């Protein structure tokens, strides 16, 4: 397979924003009934859950399912994206659980695991693993558990991923992602020595015109989707730098494309040119050192370190941190040692 499937896997947003204006001749009826008729494939239960989570606005104000619609009412609805029509086959695949209760599951995903079946990866994904894990388990309502994605991280990015275990939790969490109230911090090892200690990258992202498998930054406000990444330096190693990235938005390949845009691609990120020696000396010993680092970390140096959100049922603030996986820790330690003994290289 020659193409990178990951951008295909993440092409759709995980929520949709619907907007309706009630016809002037529309008869009075309950809001949930009206939306059930207008939204294909959406259950009345999910509509009611959306209303409970303040995801349904009538004329700009949150409204209950029992609200009686009137002609010319403007209705806005935020709903998680319906699942794709791909059969999820249960498969026994190991994954690490950071936390679980009746409503949510926090996975500490290993690098190399695709989240959702899609182009080039129709099985062997996290959703296949979750289908196996929940195959014989029941939810708090006594029904089979259906895991729902509320966000995604790339195949070769490690770290924390949030899963909803019922429709109500899914809607609540999707609203938080839509409102950008989710706390997400990533650590990345990038090429180069950044001039400043911190900064913000604000640039629309869309598919690259040169390579449809990757994303690019566009200055035209009418092209792509608004994306904002805040970064700060954690540790400098001369030719590479360890940075923390905080997401305001959650676009496909956001950190990878944004860091490439400012001239600091992620270390060993093949899709964005980071798998070449971009900074450093011409000595053969240095080339061998970098090649050894690439072998230790055979993927982009990106880890979803922190995840924080409001619990969909208890409304308590939840906070999780994931330790560096062995490959990223080893590569960072190798660069740290290199900096200490640089004159000997």
C-alpha atoms as a PDB file:
ATOM      1  CA  UNK A   1       0.000   0.000   0.000  1.00  0.00           C
ATOM      2  CA  UNK A   2       1.609   3.239  -1.131  1.00  0.00           C
ATOM      3  CA  UNK A   3      -0.787   5.794   0.296  1.00  0.00           C
ATOM      4  CA  UNK A   4      -0.998   7.025   3.863  1.00  0.00           C
ATOM      5  CA  UNK A   5      -4.533   6.141   5.058  1.00  0.00           C
ATOM      6  CA  UNK A   6      -4.546   8.323   8.114  1.00  0.00           C
ATOM      7  CA  UNK A   7      -5.821  11.511   6.498  1.00  0.00           C
ATOM      8  CA  UNK A   8      -8.634   9.480   4.957  1.00  0.00           C
ATOM      9  CA  UNK A   9      -9.490   8.087   8.367  1.00  0.00           C
ATOM     10  CA  UNK A  10      -9.798  11.561   9.852  1.00  0.00           C
ATOM     11  CA  UNK A  11     -11.402  13.456   6.977  1.00  0.00           C
ATOM     12  CA  UNK A  12     -14.778  13.964   8.644  1.00  0.00           C
ATOM     13  CA  UNK A  13     -15.342  16.024  11.750  1.00  0.00           C
ATOM     14  CA  UNK A  14     -16.740  14.033  14.652  1.00  0.00           C
ATOM     15  CA  UNK A  15     -19.694  16.391  14.999  1.00  0.00           C
ATOM     16  CA  UNK A  16     -22.081  18.139  12.628  1.00  0.00           C
ATOM     17  CA  UNK A  17     -23.803  21.498  12.982  1.00  0.00           C
ATOM     18  CA  UNK A  18     -27.327  21.461  11.495  1.00  0.00           C
ATOM     19  CA  UNK A  19     -29.403  24.595  10.985  1.00  0.00           C
ATOM     20  CA  UNK A  20     -33.092  24.765  10.087  1.00  0.00           C
ATOM     21  CA  UNK A  21     -35.588  27.594   9.644  1.00  0.00           C
ATOM     22  CA  UNK A  22     -39.139  26.417  10.337  1.00  0.00           C
ATOM     23  CA  UNK A  23     -41.443  26.935   7.339  1.00  0.00           C
ATOM     24  CA  UNK A  24     -44.123  29.581   7.665  1.00  0.00           C
ATOM     25  CA  UNK A  25     -46.840  26.993   7.088  1.00  0.00           C
ATOM     26  CA  UNK A  26     -45.437  24.470   9.582  1.00  0.00           C
ATOM     27  CA  UNK A  27     -47.965  23.215  12.114  1.00  0.00           C
ATOM     28  CA  UNK A  28     -47.105  23.411  15.806  1.00  0.00           C
ATOM     29  CA  UNK A  29     -45.354  20.301  17.162  1.00  0.00           C
ATOM     30  CA  UNK A  30     -42.770  19.243  19.719  1.00  0.00           C
ATOM     31  CA  UNK A  31     -39.188  20.152  18.926  1.00  0.00           C
ATOM     32  CA  UNK A  32     -37.911  16.572  19.273  1.00  0.00           C
ATOM     33  CA  UNK A  33     -40.594  15.248  16.924  1.00  0.00           C
ATOM     34  CA  UNK A  34     -39.780  17.918  14.335  1.00  0.00           C
ATOM     35  CA  UNK A  35     -36.054  17.114  14.458  1.00  0.00           C
ATOM     36  CA  UNK A  36     -36.714  13.369  14.346  1.00  0.00           C
ATOM     37  CA  UNK A  37     -38.509  13.994  11.049  1.00  0.00           C
ATOM     38  CA  UNK A  38     -35.765  16.272   9.671  1.00  0.00           C
ATOM     39  CA  UNK A  39     -32.611  14.405  10.743  1.00  0.00           C
ATOM     40  CA  UNK A  40     -32.047  11.132   8.907  1.00  0.00           C
ATOM     41  CA  UNK A  41     -30.883   8.192  10.987  1.00  0.00           C
ATOM     42  CA  UNK A  42     -30.923  10.076  14.310  1.00  0.00           C
ATOM     43  CA  UNK A  43     -32.848   8.511  17.162  1.00  0.00           C
ATOM     44  CA  UNK A  44     -35.235  10.449  19.363  1.00  0.00           C
ATOM     45  CA  UNK A  45     -33.065   9.380  22.315  1.00  0.00           C
ATOM     46  CA  UNK A  46     -30.041  11.126  20.802  1.00  0.00           C
ATOM     47  CA  UNK A  47     -32.102  14.242  20.077  1.00  0.00           C
ATOM     48  CA  UNK A  48     -33.250  14.347  23.702  1.00  0.00           C
ATOM     49  CA  UNK A  49     -29.674  13.809  24.887  1.00  0.00           C
ATOM     50  CA  UNK A  50     -28.565  16.686  22.669  1.00  0.00           C
ATOM     51  CA  UNK A  51     -31.197  18.961  24.194  1.00  0.00           C
ATOM     52  CA  UNK A  52     -30.119  17.976  27.700  1.00  0.00           C
ATOM     53  CA  UNK A  53     -26.528  18.895  26.799  1.00  0.00           C
ATOM     54  CA  UNK A  54     -27.640  22.339  25.479  1.00  0.00           C
ATOM     55  CA  UNK A  55     -26.782  21.216  21.942  1.00  0.00           C
ATOM     56  CA  UNK A  56     -30.136  22.341  20.510  1.00  0.00           C
ATOM     57  CA  UNK A  57     -30.753  26.055  20.216  1.00  0.00           C
ATOM     58  CA  UNK A  58     -33.973  27.723  19.101  1.00  0.00           C
ATOM     59  CA  UNK A  59     -33.460  31.361  18.132  1.00  0.00           C
ATOM     60  CA  UNK A  60     -30.083  31.227  19.868  1.00  0.00           C
ATOM     61  CA  UNK A  61     -31.314  29.831  23.195  1.00  0.00           C
ATOM     62  CA  UNK A  62     -31.042  26.244  24.556  1.00  0.00           C
ATOM     63  CA  UNK A  63     -34.414  24.525  24.294  1.00  0.00           C
ATOM     64  CA  UNK A  64     -36.105  21.452  25.733  1.00  0.00           C
ATOM     65  CA  UNK A  65     -37.437  18.581  23.595  1.00  0.00           C
ATOM     66  CA  UNK A  66     -40.986  19.581  24.586  1.00  0.00           C
ATOM     67  CA  UNK A  67     -40.645  23.091  23.136  1.00  0.00           C
ATOM     68  CA  UNK A  68     -43.434  23.778  20.620  1.00  0.00           C
ATOM     69  CA  UNK A  69     -41.905  25.027  17.402  1.00  0.00           C
ATOM     70  CA  UNK A  70     -43.342  28.070  15.634  1.00  0.00           C
ATOM     71  CA  UNK A  71     -43.089  29.277  12.037  1.00  0.00           C
ATOM     72  CA  UNK A  72     -39.780  31.080  11.285  1.00  0.00           C
ATOM     73  CA  UNK A  73     -38.033  29.606  14.358  1.00  0.00           C
ATOM     74  CA  UNK A  74     -34.310  29.146  13.676  1.00  0.00           C
ATOM     75  CA  UNK A  75     -33.086  25.817  15.050  1.00  0.00           C
ATOM     76  CA  UNK A  76     -29.394  24.906  15.444  1.00  0.00           C
ATOM     77  CA  UNK A  77     -28.382  21.350  16.367  1.00  0.00           C
ATOM     78  CA  UNK A  78     -24.944  20.008  17.248  1.00  0.00           C
ATOM     79  CA  UNK A  79     -24.743  16.227  16.902  1.00  0.00           C
ATOM     80  CA  UNK A  80     -21.875  13.751  16.804  1.00  0.00           C
ATOM     81  CA  UNK A  81     -21.214  12.504  13.289  1.00  0.00           C
ATOM     82  CA  UNK A  82     -23.085   9.267  12.522  1.00  0.00           C
ATOM     83  CA  UNK A  83     -20.778   6.228  12.315  1.00  0.00           C
ATOM     84  CA  UNK A  84     -19.593   5.216   8.884  1.00  0.00           C
ATOM     85  CA  UNK A  85     -21.229   2.266   7.204  1.00  0.00           C
ATOM     86  CA  UNK A  86     -18.347  -0.111   7.886  1.00  0.00           C
ATOM     87  CA  UNK A  87     -18.911  -3.317   9.775  1.00  0.00           C
ATOM     88  CA  UNK A  88     -16.815  -3.331  12.939  1.00  0.00           C
ATOM     89  CA  UNK A  89     -15.552  -6.902  13.364  1.00  0.00           C
ATOM     90  CA  UNK A  90     -14.529  -7.759  16.951  1.00  0.00           C
ATOM     91  CA  UNK A  91     -10.796  -8.480  17.072  1.00  0.00           C
ATOM     92  CA  UNK A  92      -8.609  -9.290  20.041  1.00  0.00           C
ATOM     93  CA  UNK A  93      -6.089  -6.451  20.014  1.00  0.00           C
ATOM     94  CA  UNK A  94      -4.305  -5.291  23.128  1.00  0.00           C
ATOM     95  CA  UNK A  95      -4.777  -1.692  24.247  1.00  0.00           C
ATOM     96  CA  UNK A  96      -4.152   0.150  27.504  1.00  0.00           C
ATOM     97  CA  UNK A  97      -7.003   1.562  29.584  1.00  0.00           C
ATOM     98  CA  UNK A  98      -6.206   4.691  31.587  1.00  0.00           C
ATOM     99  CA  UNK A  99      -9.716   4.999  33.085  1.00  0.00           C
ATOM    100  CA  UNK A 100     -13.206   3.560  32.689  1.00  0.00           C
ATOM    101  CA  UNK A 101     -16.652   3.988  34.247  1.00  0.00           C
ATOM    102  CA  UNK A 102     -20.250   3.519  33.083  1.00  0.00           C
ATOM    103  CA  UNK A 103     -20.101   6.470  30.670  1.00  0.00           C
ATOM    104  CA  UNK A 104     -16.562   6.941  29.403  1.00  0.00           C
ATOM    105  CA  UNK A 105     -13.367   5.116  28.548  1.00  0.00           C
ATOM    106  CA  UNK A 106      -9.949   6.787  28.372  1.00  0.00           C
ATOM    107  CA  UNK A 107      -7.485   4.824  26.249  1.00  0.00           C
ATOM    108  CA  UNK A 108      -3.714   5.322  26.352  1.00  0.00           C
ATOM    109  CA  UNK A 109      -3.170   4.439  22.694  1.00  0.00           C
ATOM    110  CA  UNK A 110       0.039   2.893  21.466  1.00  0.00           C
ATOM    111  CA  UNK A 111       1.705   4.187  18.318  1.00  0.00           C
ATOM    112  CA  UNK A 112       0.872   2.150  15.222  1.00  0.00           C
ATOM    113  CA  UNK A 113      -2.789   1.580  16.108  1.00  0.00           C
ATOM    114  CA  UNK A 114      -5.331   3.140  13.728  1.00  0.00           C
ATOM    115  CA  UNK A 115      -8.395   4.458  15.565  1.00  0.00           C
ATOM    116  CA  UNK A 116     -11.195   3.864  13.040  1.00  0.00           C
ATOM    117  CA  UNK A 117     -11.565   1.541  10.021  1.00  0.00           C
ATOM    118  CA  UNK A 118     -11.137   3.398   6.756  1.00  0.00           C
ATOM    119  CA  UNK A 119      -9.143   3.569   3.538  1.00  0.00           C
ATOM    120  CA  UNK A 120      -6.383   0.955   3.705  1.00  0.00           C
ATOM    121  CA  UNK A 121      -7.258  -0.104   7.269  1.00  0.00           C
ATOM    122  CA  UNK A 122     -10.558  -1.960   7.296  1.00  0.00           C
ATOM    123  CA  UNK A 123      -9.734  -3.927  10.422  1.00  0.00           C
ATOM    124  CA  UNK A 124      -7.053  -4.126  13.098  1.00  0.00           C
ATOM    125  CA  UNK A 125      -8.153  -0.777  14.530  1.00  0.00           C
ATOM    126  CA  UNK A 126      -8.983   0.460  18.007  1.00  0.00           C
ATOM    127  CA  UNK A 127     -12.720   0.221  17.250  1.00  0.00           C
ATOM    128  CA  UNK A 128     -12.238  -3.441  16.330  1.00  0.00           C
ATOM    129  CA  UNK A 129     -10.440  -3.917  19.647  1.00  0.00           C
ATOM    130  CA  UNK A 130     -13.254  -2.148  21.529  1.00  0.00           C
ATOM    131  CA  UNK A 131     -15.875  -4.309  19.785  1.00  0.00           C
ATOM    132  CA  UNK A 132     -14.071  -7.384  21.158  1.00  0.00           C
ATOM    133  CA  UNK A 133     -13.652  -5.846  24.612  1.00  0.00           C
ATOM    134  CA  UNK A 134     -17.357  -4.973  24.916  1.00  0.00           C
ATOM    135  CA  UNK A 135     -18.727  -7.999  23.044  1.00  0.00           C
ATOM    136  CA  UNK A 136     -20.176  -9.678  26.130  1.00  0.00           C
ATOM    137  CA  UNK A 137     -20.602  -6.644  28.378  1.00  0.00           C
ATOM    138  CA  UNK A 138     -23.716  -4.616  29.144  1.00  0.00           C
ATOM    139  CA  UNK A 139     -24.080  -0.911  29.767  1.00  0.00           C
ATOM    140  CA  UNK A 140     -25.743   0.751  32.740  1.00  0.00           C
ATOM    141  CA  UNK A 141     -29.094   0.454  30.942  1.00  0.00           C
ATOM    142  CA  UNK A 142     -28.656  -3.284  30.500  1.00  0.00           C
ATOM    143  CA  UNK A 143     -28.141  -2.984  26.743  1.00  0.00           C
ATOM    144  CA  UNK A 144     -24.999  -3.915  24.770  1.00  0.00           C
ATOM    145  CA  UNK A 145     -22.302  -1.238  24.920  1.00  0.00           C
ATOM    146  CA  UNK A 146     -21.572   0.680  21.729  1.00  0.00           C
ATOM    147  CA  UNK A 147     -18.339   2.690  21.945  1.00  0.00           C
ATOM    148  CA  UNK A 148     -18.511   6.134  20.280  1.00  0.00           C
ATOM    149  CA  UNK A 149     -15.532   8.185  19.164  1.00  0.00           C
ATOM    150  CA  UNK A 150     -15.570  11.856  20.140  1.00  0.00           C
ATOM    151  CA  UNK A 151     -12.112  12.680  18.733  1.00  0.00           C
ATOM    152  CA  UNK A 152      -9.186  10.906  17.078  1.00  0.00           C
ATOM    153  CA  UNK A 153      -5.412  10.885  17.070  1.00  0.00           C
ATOM    154  CA  UNK A 154      -3.209   9.733  14.208  1.00  0.00           C
ATOM    155  CA  UNK A 155      -2.088   6.145  13.777  1.00  0.00           C
ATOM    156  CA  UNK A 156       1.520   6.857  14.740  1.00  0.00           C
ATOM    157  CA  UNK A 157       0.738   9.337  17.510  1.00  0.00           C
ATOM    158  CA  UNK A 158       0.679   7.835  20.996  1.00  0.00           C
ATOM    159  CA  UNK A 159      -1.310   8.939  24.019  1.00  0.00           C
ATOM    160  CA  UNK A 160      -4.732   9.687  25.421  1.00  0.00           C
ATOM    161  CA  UNK A 161      -7.989   9.163  23.562  1.00  0.00           C
ATOM    162  CA  UNK A 162     -11.534   9.633  24.919  1.00  0.00           C
ATOM    163  CA  UNK A 163     -14.386   7.217  24.120  1.00  0.00           C
ATOM    164  CA  UNK A 164     -18.090   7.597  25.024  1.00  0.00           C
ATOM    165  CA  UNK A 165     -19.975   4.444  26.070  1.00  0.00           C
ATOM    166  CA  UNK A 166     -23.495   5.701  25.393  1.00  0.00           C
ATOM    167  CA  UNK A 167     -25.249   8.295  23.238  1.00  0.00           C
ATOM    168  CA  UNK A 168     -25.822  10.787  26.034  1.00  0.00           C
ATOM    169  CA  UNK A 169     -22.139  10.795  26.967  1.00  0.00           C
ATOM    170  CA  UNK A 170     -21.215  11.094  23.297  1.00  0.00           C
ATOM    171  CA  UNK A 171     -23.329  14.219  22.820  1.00  0.00           C
ATOM    172  CA  UNK A 172     -22.057  15.871  26.029  1.00  0.00           C
ATOM    173  CA  UNK A 173     -18.427  15.264  25.092  1.00  0.00           C
ATOM    174  CA  UNK A 174     -18.884  16.297  21.448  1.00  0.00           C
ATOM    175  CA  UNK A 175     -20.276  19.625  22.692  1.00  0.00           C
ATOM    176  CA  UNK A 176     -17.129  20.190  24.756  1.00  0.00           C
ATOM    177  CA  UNK A 177     -14.902  19.522  21.752  1.00  0.00           C
ATOM    178  CA  UNK A 178     -17.060  21.834  19.635  1.00  0.00           C
ATOM    179  CA  UNK A 179     -16.810  24.581  22.282  1.00  0.00           C
ATOM    180  CA  UNK A 180     -13.022  24.034  22.601  1.00  0.00           C
ATOM    181  CA  UNK A 181     -13.303  23.508  26.365  1.00  0.00           C
ATOM    182  CA  UNK A 182     -11.400  20.202  26.283  1.00  0.00           C
ATOM    183  CA  UNK A 183      -7.856  20.413  27.678  1.00  0.00           C
ATOM    184  CA  UNK A 184      -5.372  18.782  25.310  1.00  0.00           C
ATOM    185  CA  UNK A 185      -1.613  18.988  25.596  1.00  0.00           C
ATOM    186  CA  UNK A 186       0.851  17.206  23.342  1.00  0.00           C
ATOM    187  CA  UNK A 187       4.613  16.871  23.557  1.00  0.00           C
ATOM    188  CA  UNK A 188       6.558  16.848  20.312  1.00  0.00           C
ATOM    189  CA  UNK A 189      10.201  16.615  19.353  1.00  0.00           C
ATOM    190  CA  UNK A 190      10.773  18.981  16.429  1.00  0.00           C
ATOM    191  CA  UNK A 191      13.690  19.805  14.165  1.00  0.00           C
ATOM    192  CA  UNK A 192      15.594  23.011  14.835  1.00  0.00           C
ATOM    193  CA  UNK A 193      16.174  25.427  17.684  1.00  0.00           C
ATOM    194  CA  UNK A 194      13.134  27.718  17.953  1.00  0.00           C
ATOM    195  CA  UNK A 195      14.065  31.381  18.339  1.00  0.00           C
ATOM    196  CA  UNK A 196      11.397  32.157  20.928  1.00  0.00           C
ATOM    197  CA  UNK A 197      10.400  30.281  24.074  1.00  0.00           C
ATOM    198  CA  UNK A 198       6.718  30.205  23.128  1.00  0.00           C
ATOM    199  CA  UNK A 199       4.330  31.207  20.383  1.00  0.00           C
ATOM    200  CA  UNK A 200       1.017  30.675  18.629  1.00  0.00           C
ATOM    201  CA  UNK A 201       0.385  29.318  15.135  1.00  0.00           C
ATOM    202  CA  UNK A 202      -2.894  30.547  13.642  1.00  0.00           C
ATOM    203  CA  UNK A 203      -3.450  29.238  10.135  1.00  0.00           C
ATOM    204  CA  UNK A 204      -6.253  27.552   8.209  1.00  0.00           C
ATOM    205  CA  UNK A 205      -5.643  23.919   7.323  1.00  0.00           C
ATOM    206  CA  UNK A 206      -6.733  22.107   4.169  1.00  0.00           C
ATOM    207  CA  UNK A 207      -5.399  19.315   1.996  1.00  0.00           C
ATOM    208  CA  UNK A 208      -2.157  20.224   0.274  1.00  0.00           C
ATOM    209  CA  UNK A 209      -2.525  21.012  -3.427  1.00  0.00           C
ATOM    210  CA  UNK A 210       0.819  19.255  -4.010  1.00  0.00           C
ATOM    211  CA  UNK A 211       0.138  16.105  -1.971  1.00  0.00           C
ATOM    212  CA  UNK A 212      -3.434  15.159  -1.070  1.00  0.00           C
ATOM    213  CA  UNK A 213      -2.203  12.870   1.712  1.00  0.00           C
ATOM    214  CA  UNK A 214      -1.055  15.764   3.899  1.00  0.00           C
ATOM    215  CA  UNK A 215      -2.406  19.068   5.161  1.00  0.00           C
ATOM    216  CA  UNK A 216      -1.086  22.540   4.436  1.00  0.00           C
ATOM    217  CA  UNK A 217      -1.550  26.023   5.891  1.00  0.00           C
ATOM    218  CA  UNK A 218      -3.408  28.583   3.776  1.00  0.00           C
ATOM    219  CA  UNK A 219      -3.519  32.355   4.281  1.00  0.00           C
ATOM    220  CA  UNK A 220      -6.837  32.663   2.450  1.00  0.00           C
ATOM    221  CA  UNK A 221      -9.567  32.713   5.159  1.00  0.00           C
ATOM    222  CA  UNK A 222     -11.988  31.080   2.717  1.00  0.00           C
ATOM    223  CA  UNK A 223      -9.764  28.013   2.271  1.00  0.00           C
ATOM    224  CA  UNK A 224      -9.662  25.214   4.820  1.00  0.00           C
ATOM    225  CA  UNK A 225     -10.629  25.217   8.472  1.00  0.00           C
ATOM    226  CA  UNK A 226      -9.520  27.580  11.219  1.00  0.00           C
ATOM    227  CA  UNK A 227      -6.780  26.051  13.371  1.00  0.00           C
ATOM    228  CA  UNK A 228      -4.823  27.407  16.347  1.00  0.00           C
ATOM    229  CA  UNK A 229      -1.861  25.763  18.102  1.00  0.00           C
ATOM    230  CA  UNK A 230      -0.047  27.262  21.104  1.00  0.00           C
ATOM    231  CA  UNK A 231       3.477  25.992  21.710  1.00  0.00           C
ATOM    232  CA  UNK A 232       6.227  26.477  24.272  1.00  0.00           C
ATOM    233  CA  UNK A 233       9.749  25.126  24.563  1.00  0.00           C
ATOM    234  CA  UNK A 234      10.330  22.475  27.209  1.00  0.00           C
ATOM    235  CA  UNK A 235      13.924  21.489  26.484  1.00  0.00           C
ATOM    236  CA  UNK A 236      16.511  22.417  23.834  1.00  0.00           C
ATOM    237  CA  UNK A 237      18.962  19.888  22.394  1.00  0.00           C
ATOM    238  CA  UNK A 238      20.723  22.074  19.828  1.00  0.00           C
ATOM    239  CA  UNK A 239      19.478  20.605  16.570  1.00  0.00           C
ATOM    240  CA  UNK A 240      16.083  19.466  17.885  1.00  0.00           C
ATOM    241  CA  UNK A 241      13.720  20.851  20.516  1.00  0.00           C
ATOM    242  CA  UNK A 242      11.143  19.287  22.819  1.00  0.00           C
ATOM    243  CA  UNK A 243       7.970  21.417  22.786  1.00  0.00           C
ATOM    244  CA  UNK A 244       4.542  21.366  24.401  1.00  0.00           C
ATOM    245  CA  UNK A 245       1.618  22.022  22.072  1.00  0.00           C
ATOM    246  CA  UNK A 246      -1.817  23.067  23.322  1.00  0.00           C
ATOM    247  CA  UNK A 247      -4.683  22.778  20.860  1.00  0.00           C
ATOM    248  CA  UNK A 248      -7.471  25.309  20.583  1.00  0.00           C
ATOM    249  CA  UNK A 249      -8.904  23.429  17.627  1.00  0.00           C
ATOM    250  CA  UNK A 250      -8.612  19.777  16.688  1.00  0.00           C
ATOM    251  CA  UNK A 251      -7.951  19.579  12.955  1.00  0.00           C
ATOM    252  CA  UNK A 252      -6.491  16.673  11.027  1.00  0.00           C
ATOM    253  CA  UNK A 253      -2.676  16.609  11.390  1.00  0.00           C
ATOM    254  CA  UNK A 254      -2.858  20.019  13.061  1.00  0.00           C
ATOM    255  CA  UNK A 255       0.377  19.954  15.059  1.00  0.00           C
ATOM    256  CA  UNK A 256       2.291  18.178  12.301  1.00  0.00           C
ATOM    257  CA  UNK A 257       1.225  20.660   9.607  1.00  0.00           C
ATOM    258  CA  UNK A 258       1.551  23.744  11.806  1.00  0.00           C
ATOM    259  CA  UNK A 259       5.076  22.899  12.970  1.00  0.00           C
ATOM    260  CA  UNK A 260       6.136  22.156   9.389  1.00  0.00           C
ATOM    261  CA  UNK A 261       4.681  25.536   8.376  1.00  0.00           C
ATOM    262  CA  UNK A 262       6.929  27.452  10.794  1.00  0.00           C
ATOM    263  CA  UNK A 263       9.994  25.482   9.665  1.00  0.00           C
ATOM    264  CA  UNK A 264      10.167  22.928  12.478  1.00  0.00           C
ATOM    265  CA  UNK A 265       8.754  19.575  11.275  1.00  0.00           C
ATOM    266  CA  UNK A 266       8.303  16.818  13.816  1.00  0.00           C
ATOM    267  CA  UNK A 267      11.297  14.523  14.211  1.00  0.00           C
ATOM    268  CA  UNK A 268      10.942  11.443  11.947  1.00  0.00           C
ATOM    269  CA  UNK A 269       7.591  12.582  10.540  1.00  0.00           C
ATOM    270  CA  UNK A 270       7.913  11.068   7.058  1.00  0.00           C
ATOM    271  CA  UNK A 271       4.741  12.677   5.690  1.00  0.00           C
ATOM    272  CA  UNK A 272       5.995  16.189   6.542  1.00  0.00           C
ATOM    273  CA  UNK A 273       9.689  15.789   5.735  1.00  0.00           C
ATOM    274  CA  UNK A 274      10.916  15.157   9.251  1.00  0.00           C
ATOM    275  CA  UNK A 275      12.522  11.814   8.407  1.00  0.00           C
ATOM    276  CA  UNK A 276      15.549  13.599   6.896  1.00  0.00           C
ATOM    277  CA  UNK A 277      18.444  15.275   8.667  1.00  0.00           C
ATOM    278  CA  UNK A 278      17.262  18.886   8.613  1.00  0.00           C
ATOM    279  CA  UNK A 279      19.653  20.413  11.161  1.00  0.00           C
ATOM    280  CA  UNK A 280      23.142  19.547  12.303  1.00  0.00           C
ATOM    281  CA  UNK A 281      26.638  18.804  11.063  1.00  0.00           C
ATOM    282  CA  UNK A 282      27.862  16.879   8.024  1.00  0.00           C
ATOM    283  CA  UNK A 283      29.996  14.472  10.048  1.00  0.00           C
ATOM    284  CA  UNK A 284      29.304  10.792   9.410  1.00  0.00           C
ATOM    285  CA  UNK A 285      29.162  10.170  13.166  1.00  0.00           C
ATOM    286  CA  UNK A 286      26.292  12.635  13.453  1.00  0.00           C
ATOM    287  CA  UNK A 287      24.443  11.014  10.562  1.00  0.00           C
ATOM    288  CA  UNK A 288      24.819   7.641  12.251  1.00  0.00           C
ATOM    289  CA  UNK A 289      23.583   9.135  15.518  1.00  0.00           C
ATOM    290  CA  UNK A 290      20.422  10.521  13.880  1.00  0.00           C
ATOM    291  CA  UNK A 291      19.809   7.242  12.038  1.00  0.00           C
ATOM    292  CA  UNK A 292      20.019   5.455  15.372  1.00  0.00           C
ATOM    293  CA  UNK A 293      17.441   7.873  16.798  1.00  0.00           C
ATOM    294  CA  UNK A 294      15.163   7.186  13.828  1.00  0.00           C
ATOM    295  CA  UNK A 295      15.465   3.462  14.528  1.00  0.00           C
ATOM    296  CA  UNK A 296      14.639   3.985  18.199  1.00  0.00           C
ATOM    297  CA  UNK A 297      11.602   6.111  17.253  1.00  0.00           C
ATOM    298  CA  UNK A 298      10.259   4.806  13.912  1.00  0.00           C
ATOM    299  CA  UNK A 299       7.381   7.311  13.762  1.00  0.00           C
ATOM    300  CA  UNK A 300       6.623  11.007  14.234  1.00  0.00           C
ATOM    301  CA  UNK A 301       7.706  12.222  17.681  1.00  0.00           C
ATOM    302  CA  UNK A 302       4.244  13.203  18.954  1.00  0.00           C
ATOM    303  CA  UNK A 303       2.515  12.143  22.167  1.00  0.00           C
ATOM    304  CA  UNK A 304      -0.931  13.119  23.509  1.00  0.00           C
ATOM    305  CA  UNK A 305       0.217  13.795  27.053  1.00  0.00           C
ATOM    306  CA  UNK A 306      -2.748  15.495  28.812  1.00  0.00           C
ATOM    307  CA  UNK A 307      -6.508  15.176  28.448  1.00  0.00           C
ATOM    308  CA  UNK A 308      -8.974  17.125  30.585  1.00  0.00           C
ATOM    309  CA  UNK A 309     -12.755  17.444  30.315  1.00  0.00           C
ATOM    310  CA  UNK A 310     -16.007  17.655  32.261  1.00  0.00           C
ATOM    311  CA  UNK A 311     -17.519  14.252  33.015  1.00  0.00           C
ATOM    312  CA  UNK A 312     -20.775  13.940  31.029  1.00  0.00           C
ATOM    313  CA  UNK A 313     -22.775  12.597  33.998  1.00  0.00           C
ATOM    314  CA  UNK A 314     -21.137  13.740  37.245  1.00  0.00           C
ATOM    315  CA  UNK A 315     -19.955  17.076  35.710  1.00  0.00           C
ATOM    316  CA  UNK A 316     -16.710  16.754  37.662  1.00  0.00           C
ATOM    317  CA  UNK A 317     -13.493  17.913  36.028  1.00  0.00           C
ATOM    318  CA  UNK A 318     -11.443  14.938  34.882  1.00  0.00           C
ATOM    319  CA  UNK A 319      -7.693  15.140  34.235  1.00  0.00           C
ATOM    320  CA  UNK A 320      -5.374  12.471  32.841  1.00  0.00           C
ATOM    321  CA  UNK A 321      -1.684  12.362  31.978  1.00  0.00           C
ATOM    322  CA  UNK A 322       0.123   9.710  29.965  1.00  0.00           C
ATOM    323  CA  UNK A 323       3.817   8.963  30.533  1.00  0.00           C
ATOM    324  CA  UNK A 324       6.106   8.946  27.512  1.00  0.00           C
ATOM    325  CA  UNK A 325       6.184   5.577  25.753  1.00  0.00           C
ATOM    326  CA  UNK A 326       9.530   3.783  25.635  1.00  0.00           C
ATOM    327  CA  UNK A 327      10.417   4.791  22.056  1.00  0.00           C
ATOM    328  CA  UNK A 328       9.923   8.513  22.597  1.00  0.00           C
ATOM    329  CA  UNK A 329      11.634   8.436  25.993  1.00  0.00           C
ATOM    330  CA  UNK A 330      14.646   6.648  24.503  1.00  0.00           C
ATOM    331  CA  UNK A 331      14.995   9.116  21.634  1.00  0.00           C
ATOM    332  CA  UNK A 332      14.774  12.131  23.944  1.00  0.00           C
ATOM    333  CA  UNK A 333      17.332  10.633  26.302  1.00  0.00           C
ATOM    334  CA  UNK A 334      19.661   9.986  23.386  1.00  0.00           C
ATOM    335  CA  UNK A 335      19.437  13.641  22.300  1.00  0.00           C
ATOM    336  CA  UNK A 336      19.943  14.758  25.885  1.00  0.00           C
ATOM    337  CA  UNK A 337      23.134  12.701  26.094  1.00  0.00           C
ATOM    338  CA  UNK A 338      24.240  14.008  22.709  1.00  0.00           C
ATOM    339  CA  UNK A 339      23.924  17.592  23.906  1.00  0.00           C
ATOM    340  CA  UNK A 340      26.063  16.810  26.951  1.00  0.00           C
ATOM    341  CA  UNK A 341      28.803  15.195  24.862  1.00  0.00           C
ATOM    342  CA  UNK A 342      28.427  17.281  21.714  1.00  0.00           C
ATOM    343  CA  UNK A 343      32.069  18.228  21.496  1.00  0.00           C
ATOM    344  CA  UNK A 344      33.018  14.554  21.398  1.00  0.00           C
ATOM    345  CA  UNK A 345      30.768  13.751  18.408  1.00  0.00           C
END
